[in-house]
Amino acid sequence: MSGVDPEVRRLLWYLLAGSRGGENRIRIIELLHERPYNINQLAQILGLNYKAVEHHMDVLLKNNLVLTKGEKYGVLYFLTPYFEAHFDTFKEICSKIGWSKRSAATNQ
């Protein structure tokens, strides 16, 4: 694929396939791609502990994949425009590691 930033590809491979929690980060990203959520909403939808989701959000924030709007418990998380511009790379990596929304449903 030409025009794909190799740094983005490397970062996504690491965050999604090369480190613990990659599957949960994929699930979070897929949800945020549809609309913004707060941590509590994500935890409920994903059936995860609040602290676990908070950890994943910190990882995504530090790597400039998500941004926040609002304060305290009203904080909503969005995908960054930078990440949205590279979303095809995210989908390609998910495909290569055998991830699909269907497989996510069976992992719950």
PDB file of N, CA and C in Angstrom:
ATOM      1  N   MET A   1       0.839  -1.181   0.000  1.00  0.00           N
ATOM      2  CA  MET A   1       0.000   0.000   0.000  1.00  0.00           C
ATOM      3  C   MET A   1       0.880   1.239   0.000  1.00  0.00           C
ATOM      4  N   SER A   2       0.836   2.022  -1.035  1.00  0.00           N
ATOM      5  CA  SER A   2       1.665   3.214  -1.075  1.00  0.00           C
ATOM      6  C   SER A   2       0.969   4.347  -0.336  1.00  0.00           C
ATOM      7  N   GLY A   3       1.771   5.302   0.141  1.00  0.00           N
ATOM      8  CA  GLY A   3       1.207   6.439   0.838  1.00  0.00           C
ATOM      9  C   GLY A   3       0.876   6.170   2.299  1.00  0.00           C
ATOM     10  N   VAL A   4       1.162   4.954   2.767  1.00  0.00           N
ATOM     11  CA  VAL A   4       0.895   4.628   4.165  1.00  0.00           C
ATOM     12  C   VAL A   4       2.132   4.983   4.975  1.00  0.00           C
ATOM     13  N   ASP A   5       1.935   5.746   6.027  1.00  0.00           N
ATOM     14  CA  ASP A   5       3.024   6.158   6.902  1.00  0.00           C
ATOM     15  C   ASP A   5       3.568   4.931   7.638  1.00  0.00           C
ATOM     16  N   PRO A   6       4.848   4.582   7.421  1.00  0.00           N
ATOM     17  CA  PRO A   6       5.398   3.392   8.075  1.00  0.00           C
ATOM     18  C   PRO A   6       5.415   3.517   9.603  1.00  0.00           C
ATOM     19  N   GLU A   7       5.526   4.727  10.122  1.00  0.00           N
ATOM     20  CA  GLU A   7       5.497   4.926  11.576  1.00  0.00           C
ATOM     21  C   GLU A   7       4.120   4.565  12.135  1.00  0.00           C
ATOM     22  N   VAL A   8       3.062   4.954  11.429  1.00  0.00           N
ATOM     23  CA  VAL A   8       1.707   4.632  11.853  1.00  0.00           C
ATOM     24  C   VAL A   8       1.511   3.123  11.829  1.00  0.00           C
ATOM     25  N   ARG A   9       1.951   2.500  10.773  1.00  0.00           N
ATOM     26  CA  ARG A   9       1.820   1.041  10.642  1.00  0.00           C
ATOM     27  C   ARG A   9       2.544   0.335  11.796  1.00  0.00           C
ATOM     28  N   ARG A  10       3.756   0.751  12.075  1.00  0.00           N
ATOM     29  CA  ARG A  10       4.542   0.146  13.155  1.00  0.00           C
ATOM     30  C   ARG A  10       3.862   0.341  14.513  1.00  0.00           C
ATOM     31  N   LEU A  11       3.387   1.562  14.770  1.00  0.00           N
ATOM     32  CA  LEU A  11       2.706   1.864  16.028  1.00  0.00           C
ATOM     33  C   LEU A  11       1.459   1.001  16.191  1.00  0.00           C
ATOM     34  N   LEU A  12       0.649   0.920  15.139  1.00  0.00           N
ATOM     35  CA  LEU A  12      -0.584   0.139  15.222  1.00  0.00           C
ATOM     36  C   LEU A  12      -0.298  -1.350  15.389  1.00  0.00           C
ATOM     37  N   TRP A  13       0.704  -1.857  14.691  1.00  0.00           N
ATOM     38  CA  TRP A  13       1.062  -3.270  14.874  1.00  0.00           C
ATOM     39  C   TRP A  13       1.420  -3.515  16.324  1.00  0.00           C
ATOM     40  N   TYR A  14       2.207  -2.609  16.903  1.00  0.00           N
ATOM     41  CA  TYR A  14       2.611  -2.801  18.302  1.00  0.00           C
ATOM     42  C   TYR A  14       1.406  -2.728  19.242  1.00  0.00           C
ATOM     43  N   LEU A  15       0.587  -1.681  19.102  1.00  0.00           N
ATOM     44  CA  LEU A  15      -0.534  -1.478  20.027  1.00  0.00           C
ATOM     45  C   LEU A  15      -1.644  -2.513  19.887  1.00  0.00           C
ATOM     46  N   LEU A  16      -1.818  -3.059  18.700  1.00  0.00           N
ATOM     47  CA  LEU A  16      -2.924  -3.979  18.451  1.00  0.00           C
ATOM     48  C   LEU A  16      -2.531  -5.444  18.477  1.00  0.00           C
ATOM     49  N   ALA A  17      -1.319  -5.749  18.028  1.00  0.00           N
ATOM     50  CA  ALA A  17      -0.931  -7.151  17.908  1.00  0.00           C
ATOM     51  C   ALA A  17       0.307  -7.510  18.720  1.00  0.00           C
ATOM     52  N   GLY A  18       1.092  -6.517  19.088  1.00  0.00           N
ATOM     53  CA  GLY A  18       2.372  -6.808  19.730  1.00  0.00           C
ATOM     54  C   GLY A  18       2.417  -6.580  21.221  1.00  0.00           C
ATOM     55  N   SER A  19       1.303  -6.224  21.816  1.00  0.00           N
ATOM     56  CA  SER A  19       1.302  -5.981  23.258  1.00  0.00           C
ATOM     57  C   SER A  19       0.006  -6.500  23.864  1.00  0.00           C
ATOM     58  N   ARG A  20       0.049  -6.750  25.163  1.00  0.00           N
ATOM     59  CA  ARG A  20      -1.161  -7.220  25.848  1.00  0.00           C
ATOM     60  C   ARG A  20      -2.245  -6.167  25.742  1.00  0.00           C
ATOM     61  N   GLY A  21      -3.472  -6.605  25.640  1.00  0.00           N
ATOM     62  CA  GLY A  21      -4.586  -5.662  25.588  1.00  0.00           C
ATOM     63  C   GLY A  21      -4.948  -5.200  24.194  1.00  0.00           C
ATOM     64  N   GLY A  22      -4.266  -5.714  23.193  1.00  0.00           N
ATOM     65  CA  GLY A  22      -4.523  -5.282  21.823  1.00  0.00           C
ATOM     66  C   GLY A  22      -5.958  -5.500  21.382  1.00  0.00           C
ATOM     67  N   GLU A  23      -6.525  -6.655  21.755  1.00  0.00           N
ATOM     68  CA  GLU A  23      -7.913  -6.931  21.354  1.00  0.00           C
ATOM     69  C   GLU A  23      -8.882  -5.928  21.974  1.00  0.00           C
ATOM     70  N   ASN A  24      -8.654  -5.591  23.235  1.00  0.00           N
ATOM     71  CA  ASN A  24      -9.539  -4.603  23.862  1.00  0.00           C
ATOM     72  C   ASN A  24      -9.362  -3.222  23.246  1.00  0.00           C
ATOM     73  N   ARG A  25      -8.130  -2.874  22.864  1.00  0.00           N
ATOM     74  CA  ARG A  25      -7.924  -1.583  22.196  1.00  0.00           C
ATOM     75  C   ARG A  25      -8.629  -1.569  20.840  1.00  0.00           C
ATOM     76  N   ILE A  26      -8.617  -2.684  20.139  1.00  0.00           N
ATOM     77  CA  ILE A  26      -9.338  -2.766  18.863  1.00  0.00           C
ATOM     78  C   ILE A  26     -10.827  -2.538  19.098  1.00  0.00           C
ATOM     79  N   ARG A  27     -11.371  -3.205  20.097  1.00  0.00           N
ATOM     80  CA  ARG A  27     -12.807  -3.064  20.386  1.00  0.00           C
ATOM     81  C   ARG A  27     -13.152  -1.617  20.738  1.00  0.00           C
ATOM     82  N   ILE A  28     -12.299  -0.973  21.521  1.00  0.00           N
ATOM     83  CA  ILE A  28     -12.516   0.429  21.895  1.00  0.00           C
ATOM     84  C   ILE A  28     -12.470   1.319  20.659  1.00  0.00           C
ATOM     85  N   ILE A  29     -11.474   1.123  19.820  1.00  0.00           N
ATOM     86  CA  ILE A  29     -11.328   1.940  18.605  1.00  0.00           C
ATOM     87  C   ILE A  29     -12.539   1.766  17.701  1.00  0.00           C
ATOM     88  N   GLU A  30     -13.001   0.527  17.544  1.00  0.00           N
ATOM     89  CA  GLU A  30     -14.178   0.295  16.699  1.00  0.00           C
ATOM     90  C   GLU A  30     -15.392   1.055  17.224  1.00  0.00           C
ATOM     91  N   LEU A  31     -15.581   1.062  18.534  1.00  0.00           N
ATOM     92  CA  LEU A  31     -16.700   1.808  19.114  1.00  0.00           C
ATOM     93  C   LEU A  31     -16.536   3.308  18.908  1.00  0.00           C
ATOM     94  N   LEU A  32     -15.331   3.818  19.148  1.00  0.00           N
ATOM     95  CA  LEU A  32     -15.101   5.263  19.002  1.00  0.00           C
ATOM     96  C   LEU A  32     -15.188   5.710  17.554  1.00  0.00           C
ATOM     97  N   HIS A  33     -14.983   4.787  16.637  1.00  0.00           N
ATOM     98  CA  HIS A  33     -15.115   5.131  15.223  1.00  0.00           C
ATOM     99  C   HIS A  33     -16.583   5.418  14.879  1.00  0.00           C
ATOM    100  N   GLU A  34     -17.496   4.790  15.624  1.00  0.00           N
ATOM    101  CA  GLU A  34     -18.930   4.995  15.398  1.00  0.00           C
ATOM    102  C   GLU A  34     -19.435   6.276  16.053  1.00  0.00           C
ATOM    103  N   ARG A  35     -18.945   6.557  17.291  1.00  0.00           N
ATOM    104  CA  ARG A  35     -19.371   7.759  18.026  1.00  0.00           C
ATOM    105  C   ARG A  35     -18.517   7.904  19.280  1.00  0.00           C
ATOM    106  N   PRO A  36     -18.515   9.096  19.899  1.00  0.00           N
ATOM    107  CA  PRO A  36     -17.735   9.275  21.131  1.00  0.00           C
ATOM    108  C   PRO A  36     -18.405   8.603  22.332  1.00  0.00           C
ATOM    109  N   TYR A  37     -17.588   8.185  23.276  1.00  0.00           N
ATOM    110  CA  TYR A  37     -18.053   7.563  24.516  1.00  0.00           C
ATOM    111  C   TYR A  37     -17.198   8.052  25.677  1.00  0.00           C
ATOM    112  N   ASN A  38     -17.721   7.910  26.903  1.00  0.00           N
ATOM    113  CA  ASN A  38     -16.879   8.117  28.076  1.00  0.00           C
ATOM    114  C   ASN A  38     -16.410   6.743  28.563  1.00  0.00           C
ATOM    115  N   ILE A  39     -15.514   6.747  29.541  1.00  0.00           N
ATOM    116  CA  ILE A  39     -14.929   5.484  30.001  1.00  0.00           C
ATOM    117  C   ILE A  39     -15.984   4.559  30.588  1.00  0.00           C
ATOM    118  N   ASN A  40     -16.896   5.107  31.358  1.00  0.00           N
ATOM    119  CA  ASN A  40     -17.928   4.276  31.977  1.00  0.00           C
ATOM    120  C   ASN A  40     -18.791   3.585  30.921  1.00  0.00           C
ATOM    121  N   GLN A  41     -19.180   4.313  29.889  1.00  0.00           N
ATOM    122  CA  GLN A  41     -19.982   3.725  28.804  1.00  0.00           C
ATOM    123  C   GLN A  41     -19.205   2.608  28.115  1.00  0.00           C
ATOM    124  N   LEU A  42     -17.930   2.858  27.830  1.00  0.00           N
ATOM    125  CA  LEU A  42     -17.104   1.841  27.176  1.00  0.00           C
ATOM    126  C   LEU A  42     -16.990   0.593  28.047  1.00  0.00           C
ATOM    127  N   ALA A  43     -16.754   0.793  29.339  1.00  0.00           N
ATOM    128  CA  ALA A  43     -16.623  -0.345  30.252  1.00  0.00           C
ATOM    129  C   ALA A  43     -17.891  -1.186  30.260  1.00  0.00           C
ATOM    130  N   GLN A  44     -19.048  -0.525  30.288  1.00  0.00           N
ATOM    131  CA  GLN A  44     -20.315  -1.259  30.297  1.00  0.00           C
ATOM    132  C   GLN A  44     -20.534  -2.016  28.993  1.00  0.00           C
ATOM    133  N   ILE A  45     -20.318  -1.364  27.876  1.00  0.00           N
ATOM    134  CA  ILE A  45     -20.538  -1.992  26.568  1.00  0.00           C
ATOM    135  C   ILE A  45     -19.602  -3.193  26.376  1.00  0.00           C
ATOM    136  N   LEU A  46     -18.337  -3.014  26.780  1.00  0.00           N
ATOM    137  CA  LEU A  46     -17.330  -4.049  26.551  1.00  0.00           C
ATOM    138  C   LEU A  46     -17.282  -5.108  27.648  1.00  0.00           C
ATOM    139  N   GLY A  47     -17.985  -4.864  28.747  1.00  0.00           N
ATOM    140  CA  GLY A  47     -17.941  -5.809  29.857  1.00  0.00           C
ATOM    141  C   GLY A  47     -16.584  -5.854  30.525  1.00  0.00           C
ATOM    142  N   LEU A  48     -15.919  -4.704  30.566  1.00  0.00           N
ATOM    143  CA  LEU A  48     -14.594  -4.615  31.174  1.00  0.00           C
ATOM    144  C   LEU A  48     -14.633  -3.759  32.427  1.00  0.00           C
ATOM    145  N   ASN A  49     -13.633  -3.925  33.262  1.00  0.00           N
ATOM    146  CA  ASN A  49     -13.454  -3.115  34.457  1.00  0.00           C
ATOM    147  C   ASN A  49     -13.142  -1.668  34.048  1.00  0.00           C
ATOM    148  N   TYR A  50     -13.691  -0.714  34.790  1.00  0.00           N
ATOM    149  CA  TYR A  50     -13.461   0.713  34.517  1.00  0.00           C
ATOM    150  C   TYR A  50     -11.966   1.021  34.435  1.00  0.00           C
ATOM    151  N   LYS A  51     -11.185   0.498  35.390  1.00  0.00           N
ATOM    152  CA  LYS A  51      -9.739   0.776  35.429  1.00  0.00           C
ATOM    153  C   LYS A  51      -9.023   0.206  34.197  1.00  0.00           C
ATOM    154  N   ALA A  52      -9.493  -0.933  33.718  1.00  0.00           N
ATOM    155  CA  ALA A  52      -8.886  -1.522  32.518  1.00  0.00           C
ATOM    156  C   ALA A  52      -9.121  -0.616  31.320  1.00  0.00           C
ATOM    157  N   VAL A  53     -10.349  -0.130  31.168  1.00  0.00           N
ATOM    158  CA  VAL A  53     -10.660   0.771  30.049  1.00  0.00           C
ATOM    159  C   VAL A  53      -9.866   2.069  30.201  1.00  0.00           C
ATOM    160  N   GLU A  54      -9.777   2.566  31.420  1.00  0.00           N
ATOM    161  CA  GLU A  54      -9.008   3.787  31.676  1.00  0.00           C
ATOM    162  C   GLU A  54      -7.551   3.603  31.244  1.00  0.00           C
ATOM    163  N   HIS A  55      -6.984   2.436  31.546  1.00  0.00           N
ATOM    164  CA  HIS A  55      -5.609   2.136  31.134  1.00  0.00           C
ATOM    165  C   HIS A  55      -5.476   2.165  29.606  1.00  0.00           C
ATOM    166  N   HIS A  56      -6.391   1.499  28.917  1.00  0.00           N
ATOM    167  CA  HIS A  56      -6.326   1.466  27.452  1.00  0.00           C
ATOM    168  C   HIS A  56      -6.478   2.875  26.865  1.00  0.00           C
ATOM    169  N   MET A  57      -7.348   3.676  27.470  1.00  0.00           N
ATOM    170  CA  MET A  57      -7.532   5.042  26.976  1.00  0.00           C
ATOM    171  C   MET A  57      -6.256   5.854  27.176  1.00  0.00           C
ATOM    172  N   ASP A  58      -5.567   5.653  28.305  1.00  0.00           N
ATOM    173  CA  ASP A  58      -4.290   6.337  28.537  1.00  0.00           C
ATOM    174  C   ASP A  58      -3.268   5.961  27.467  1.00  0.00           C
ATOM    175  N   VAL A  59      -3.218   4.670  27.127  1.00  0.00           N
ATOM    176  CA  VAL A  59      -2.286   4.207  26.078  1.00  0.00           C
ATOM    177  C   VAL A  59      -2.633   4.878  24.744  1.00  0.00           C
ATOM    178  N   LEU A  60      -3.919   4.896  24.402  1.00  0.00           N
ATOM    179  CA  LEU A  60      -4.344   5.499  23.131  1.00  0.00           C
ATOM    180  C   LEU A  60      -4.111   7.008  23.126  1.00  0.00           C
ATOM    181  N   LEU A  61      -4.323   7.662  24.265  1.00  0.00           N
ATOM    182  CA  LEU A  61      -4.061   9.107  24.374  1.00  0.00           C
ATOM    183  C   LEU A  61      -2.581   9.413  24.186  1.00  0.00           C
ATOM    184  N   LYS A  62      -1.722   8.657  24.870  1.00  0.00           N
ATOM    185  CA  LYS A  62      -0.274   8.888  24.792  1.00  0.00           C
ATOM    186  C   LYS A  62       0.258   8.696  23.382  1.00  0.00           C
ATOM    187  N   ASN A  63      -0.432   7.885  22.597  1.00  0.00           N
ATOM    188  CA  ASN A  63       0.012   7.609  21.223  1.00  0.00           C
ATOM    189  C   ASN A  63      -0.761   8.414  20.182  1.00  0.00           C
ATOM    190  N   ASN A  64      -1.468   9.444  20.635  1.00  0.00           N
ATOM    191  CA  ASN A  64      -2.182  10.379  19.759  1.00  0.00           C
ATOM    192  C   ASN A  64      -3.224   9.725  18.865  1.00  0.00           C
ATOM    193  N   LEU A  65      -3.864   8.675  19.373  1.00  0.00           N
ATOM    194  CA  LEU A  65      -4.914   8.020  18.599  1.00  0.00           C
ATOM    195  C   LEU A  65      -6.299   8.479  19.032  1.00  0.00           C
ATOM    196  N   VAL A  66      -6.412   8.965  20.267  1.00  0.00           N
ATOM    197  CA  VAL A  66      -7.678   9.503  20.752  1.00  0.00           C
ATOM    198  C   VAL A  66      -7.433  10.871  21.379  1.00  0.00           C
ATOM    199  N   LEU A  67      -8.514  11.647  21.492  1.00  0.00           N
ATOM    200  CA  LEU A  67      -8.477  12.929  22.171  1.00  0.00           C
ATOM    201  C   LEU A  67      -9.719  13.038  23.030  1.00  0.00           C
ATOM    202  N   THR A  68      -9.720  13.995  23.937  1.00  0.00           N
ATOM    203  CA  THR A  68     -10.845  14.140  24.857  1.00  0.00           C
ATOM    204  C   THR A  68     -11.505  15.501  24.704  1.00  0.00           C
ATOM    205  N   LYS A  69     -12.767  15.536  25.057  1.00  0.00           N
ATOM    206  CA  LYS A  69     -13.547  16.776  25.151  1.00  0.00           C
ATOM    207  C   LYS A  69     -14.364  16.668  26.427  1.00  0.00           C
ATOM    208  N   GLY A  70     -14.417  17.749  27.189  1.00  0.00           N
ATOM    209  CA  GLY A  70     -15.202  17.754  28.418  1.00  0.00           C
ATOM    210  C   GLY A  70     -14.316  17.644  29.636  1.00  0.00           C
ATOM    211  N   GLU A  71     -14.964  17.555  30.802  1.00  0.00           N
ATOM    212  CA  GLU A  71     -14.237  17.500  32.059  1.00  0.00           C
ATOM    213  C   GLU A  71     -14.785  16.408  32.965  1.00  0.00           C
ATOM    214  N   LYS A  72     -13.924  15.917  33.851  1.00  0.00           N
ATOM    215  CA  LYS A  72     -14.242  14.915  34.868  1.00  0.00           C
ATOM    216  C   LYS A  72     -15.015  13.740  34.271  1.00  0.00           C
ATOM    217  N   TYR A  73     -16.176  13.422  34.857  1.00  0.00           N
ATOM    218  CA  TYR A  73     -16.928  12.252  34.388  1.00  0.00           C
ATOM    219  C   TYR A  73     -17.634  12.501  33.065  1.00  0.00           C
ATOM    220  N   GLY A  74     -17.665  13.750  32.635  1.00  0.00           N
ATOM    221  CA  GLY A  74     -18.280  14.074  31.363  1.00  0.00           C
ATOM    222  C   GLY A  74     -17.320  13.991  30.191  1.00  0.00           C
ATOM    223  N   VAL A  75     -16.090  13.568  30.439  1.00  0.00           N
ATOM    224  CA  VAL A  75     -15.086  13.496  29.376  1.00  0.00           C
ATOM    225  C   VAL A  75     -15.502  12.463  28.341  1.00  0.00           C
ATOM    226  N   LEU A  76     -15.553  12.905  27.107  1.00  0.00           N
ATOM    227  CA  LEU A  76     -15.821  12.008  25.981  1.00  0.00           C
ATOM    228  C   LEU A  76     -14.537  11.792  25.208  1.00  0.00           C
ATOM    229  N   TYR A  77     -14.381  10.602  24.680  1.00  0.00           N
ATOM    230  CA  TYR A  77     -13.208  10.243  23.888  1.00  0.00           C
ATOM    231  C   TYR A  77     -13.597  10.136  22.417  1.00  0.00           C
ATOM    232  N   PHE A  78     -12.733  10.674  21.560  1.00  0.00           N
ATOM    233  CA  PHE A  78     -12.905  10.683  20.111  1.00  0.00           C
ATOM    234  C   PHE A  78     -11.624  10.167  19.482  1.00  0.00           C
ATOM    235  N   LEU A  79     -11.726   9.606  18.291  1.00  0.00           N
ATOM    236  CA  LEU A  79     -10.521   9.310  17.521  1.00  0.00           C
ATOM    237  C   LEU A  79      -9.966  10.622  16.994  1.00  0.00           C
ATOM    238  N   THR A  80      -8.646  10.742  16.964  1.00  0.00           N
ATOM    239  CA  THR A  80      -8.038  11.967  16.447  1.00  0.00           C
ATOM    240  C   THR A  80      -8.194  12.024  14.926  1.00  0.00           C
ATOM    241  N   PRO A  81      -8.237  13.232  14.373  1.00  0.00           N
ATOM    242  CA  PRO A  81      -8.265  13.341  12.906  1.00  0.00           C
ATOM    243  C   PRO A  81      -7.080  12.630  12.265  1.00  0.00           C
ATOM    244  N   TYR A  82      -5.927  12.667  12.928  1.00  0.00           N
ATOM    245  CA  TYR A  82      -4.721  11.985  12.443  1.00  0.00           C
ATOM    246  C   TYR A  82      -4.977  10.491  12.301  1.00  0.00           C
ATOM    247  N   PHE A  83      -5.578   9.890  13.340  1.00  0.00           N
ATOM    248  CA  PHE A  83      -5.868   8.458  13.301  1.00  0.00           C
ATOM    249  C   PHE A  83      -6.965   8.152  12.284  1.00  0.00           C
ATOM    250  N   GLU A  84      -7.989   8.986  12.234  1.00  0.00           N
ATOM    251  CA  GLU A  84      -9.065   8.801  11.241  1.00  0.00           C
ATOM    252  C   GLU A  84      -8.482   8.773   9.828  1.00  0.00           C
ATOM    253  N   ALA A  85      -7.466   9.606   9.586  1.00  0.00           N
ATOM    254  CA  ALA A  85      -6.836   9.654   8.260  1.00  0.00           C
ATOM    255  C   ALA A  85      -6.091   8.363   7.940  1.00  0.00           C
ATOM    256  N   HIS A  86      -5.743   7.598   8.974  1.00  0.00           N
ATOM    257  CA  HIS A  86      -5.016   6.337   8.788  1.00  0.00           C
ATOM    258  C   HIS A  86      -5.881   5.131   9.160  1.00  0.00           C
ATOM    259  N   PHE A  87      -7.187   5.309   9.167  1.00  0.00           N
ATOM    260  CA  PHE A  87      -8.078   4.237   9.616  1.00  0.00           C
ATOM    261  C   PHE A  87      -8.010   3.009   8.715  1.00  0.00           C
ATOM    262  N   ASP A  88      -7.727   3.198   7.447  1.00  0.00           N
ATOM    263  CA  ASP A  88      -7.585   2.043   6.542  1.00  0.00           C
ATOM    264  C   ASP A  88      -6.429   1.142   6.982  1.00  0.00           C
ATOM    265  N   THR A  89      -5.364   1.745   7.501  1.00  0.00           N
ATOM    266  CA  THR A  89      -4.236   0.957   8.006  1.00  0.00           C
ATOM    267  C   THR A  89      -4.678   0.141   9.214  1.00  0.00           C
ATOM    268  N   PHE A  90      -5.479   0.748  10.094  1.00  0.00           N
ATOM    269  CA  PHE A  90      -6.042   0.028  11.240  1.00  0.00           C
ATOM    270  C   PHE A  90      -6.848  -1.177  10.764  1.00  0.00           C
ATOM    271  N   LYS A  91      -7.736  -0.960   9.789  1.00  0.00           N
ATOM    272  CA  LYS A  91      -8.570  -2.059   9.280  1.00  0.00           C
ATOM    273  C   LYS A  91      -7.718  -3.150   8.637  1.00  0.00           C
ATOM    274  N   GLU A  92      -6.680  -2.742   7.921  1.00  0.00           N
ATOM    275  CA  GLU A  92      -5.794  -3.715   7.272  1.00  0.00           C
ATOM    276  C   GLU A  92      -5.082  -4.584   8.312  1.00  0.00           C
ATOM    277  N   ILE A  93      -4.586  -3.976   9.375  1.00  0.00           N
ATOM    278  CA  ILE A  93      -3.902  -4.730  10.425  1.00  0.00           C
ATOM    279  C   ILE A  93      -4.882  -5.667  11.130  1.00  0.00           C
ATOM    280  N   CYS A  94      -6.075  -5.183  11.411  1.00  0.00           N
ATOM    281  CA  CYS A  94      -7.098  -6.043  12.032  1.00  0.00           C
ATOM    282  C   CYS A  94      -7.370  -7.262  11.164  1.00  0.00           C
ATOM    283  N   SER A  95      -7.441  -7.045   9.867  1.00  0.00           N
ATOM    284  CA  SER A  95      -7.684  -8.142   8.936  1.00  0.00           C
ATOM    285  C   SER A  95      -6.519  -9.140   8.955  1.00  0.00           C
ATOM    286  N   LYS A  96      -5.291  -8.624   8.968  1.00  0.00           N
ATOM    287  CA  LYS A  96      -4.117  -9.504   8.945  1.00  0.00           C
ATOM    288  C   LYS A  96      -3.973 -10.330  10.215  1.00  0.00           C
ATOM    289  N   ILE A  97      -4.462  -9.807  11.339  1.00  0.00           N
ATOM    290  CA  ILE A  97      -4.357 -10.588  12.577  1.00  0.00           C
ATOM    291  C   ILE A  97      -5.610 -11.426  12.818  1.00  0.00           C
ATOM    292  N   GLY A  98      -6.531 -11.405  11.848  1.00  0.00           N
ATOM    293  CA  GLY A  98      -7.720 -12.243  11.926  1.00  0.00           C
ATOM    294  C   GLY A  98      -8.814 -11.684  12.801  1.00  0.00           C
ATOM    295  N   TRP A  99      -8.816 -10.375  13.010  1.00  0.00           N
ATOM    296  CA  TRP A  99      -9.821  -9.739  13.863  1.00  0.00           C
ATOM    297  C   TRP A  99     -11.040  -9.350  13.041  1.00  0.00           C
ATOM    298  N   SER A 100     -12.201  -9.604  13.595  1.00  0.00           N
ATOM    299  CA  SER A 100     -13.433  -9.096  13.004  1.00  0.00           C
ATOM    300  C   SER A 100     -14.412  -8.827  14.127  1.00  0.00           C
ATOM    301  N   LYS A 101     -15.406  -8.000  13.873  1.00  0.00           N
ATOM    302  CA  LYS A 101     -16.411  -7.732  14.899  1.00  0.00           C
ATOM    303  C   LYS A 101     -17.121  -9.025  15.292  1.00  0.00           C
ATOM    304  N   ARG A 102     -17.249  -9.940  14.353  1.00  0.00           N
ATOM    305  CA  ARG A 102     -17.884 -11.225  14.628  1.00  0.00           C
ATOM    306  C   ARG A 102     -17.063 -12.006  15.640  1.00  0.00           C
ATOM    307  N   SER A 103     -15.721 -12.016  15.473  1.00  0.00           N
ATOM    308  CA  SER A 103     -14.875 -12.744  16.436  1.00  0.00           C
ATOM    309  C   SER A 103     -14.906 -12.065  17.792  1.00  0.00           C
ATOM    310  N   ALA A 104     -15.119 -10.755  17.821  1.00  0.00           N
ATOM    311  CA  ALA A 104     -15.198 -10.028  19.088  1.00  0.00           C
ATOM    312  C   ALA A 104     -16.416 -10.482  19.878  1.00  0.00           C
ATOM    313  N   ALA A 105     -17.511 -10.731  19.211  1.00  0.00           N
ATOM    314  CA  ALA A 105     -18.736 -11.148  19.885  1.00  0.00           C
ATOM    315  C   ALA A 105     -18.551 -12.517  20.554  1.00  0.00           C
ATOM    316  N   THR A 106     -17.772 -13.380  19.947  1.00  0.00           N
ATOM    317  CA  THR A 106     -17.572 -14.710  20.515  1.00  0.00           C
ATOM    318  C   THR A 106     -16.549 -14.679  21.653  1.00  0.00           C
ATOM    319  N   ASN A 107     -15.752 -13.618  21.741  1.00  0.00           N
ATOM    320  CA  ASN A 107     -14.734 -13.515  22.802  1.00  0.00           C
ATOM    321  C   ASN A 107     -15.294 -12.956  24.095  1.00  0.00           C
ATOM    322  N   GLN A 108     -16.537 -12.488  24.108  1.00  0.00           N
ATOM    323  CA  GLN A 108     -17.072 -11.871  25.308  1.00  0.00           C
ATOM    324  C   GLN A 108     -17.531 -12.874  26.317  1.00  0.00           C
TER     325      GLN A 108
END
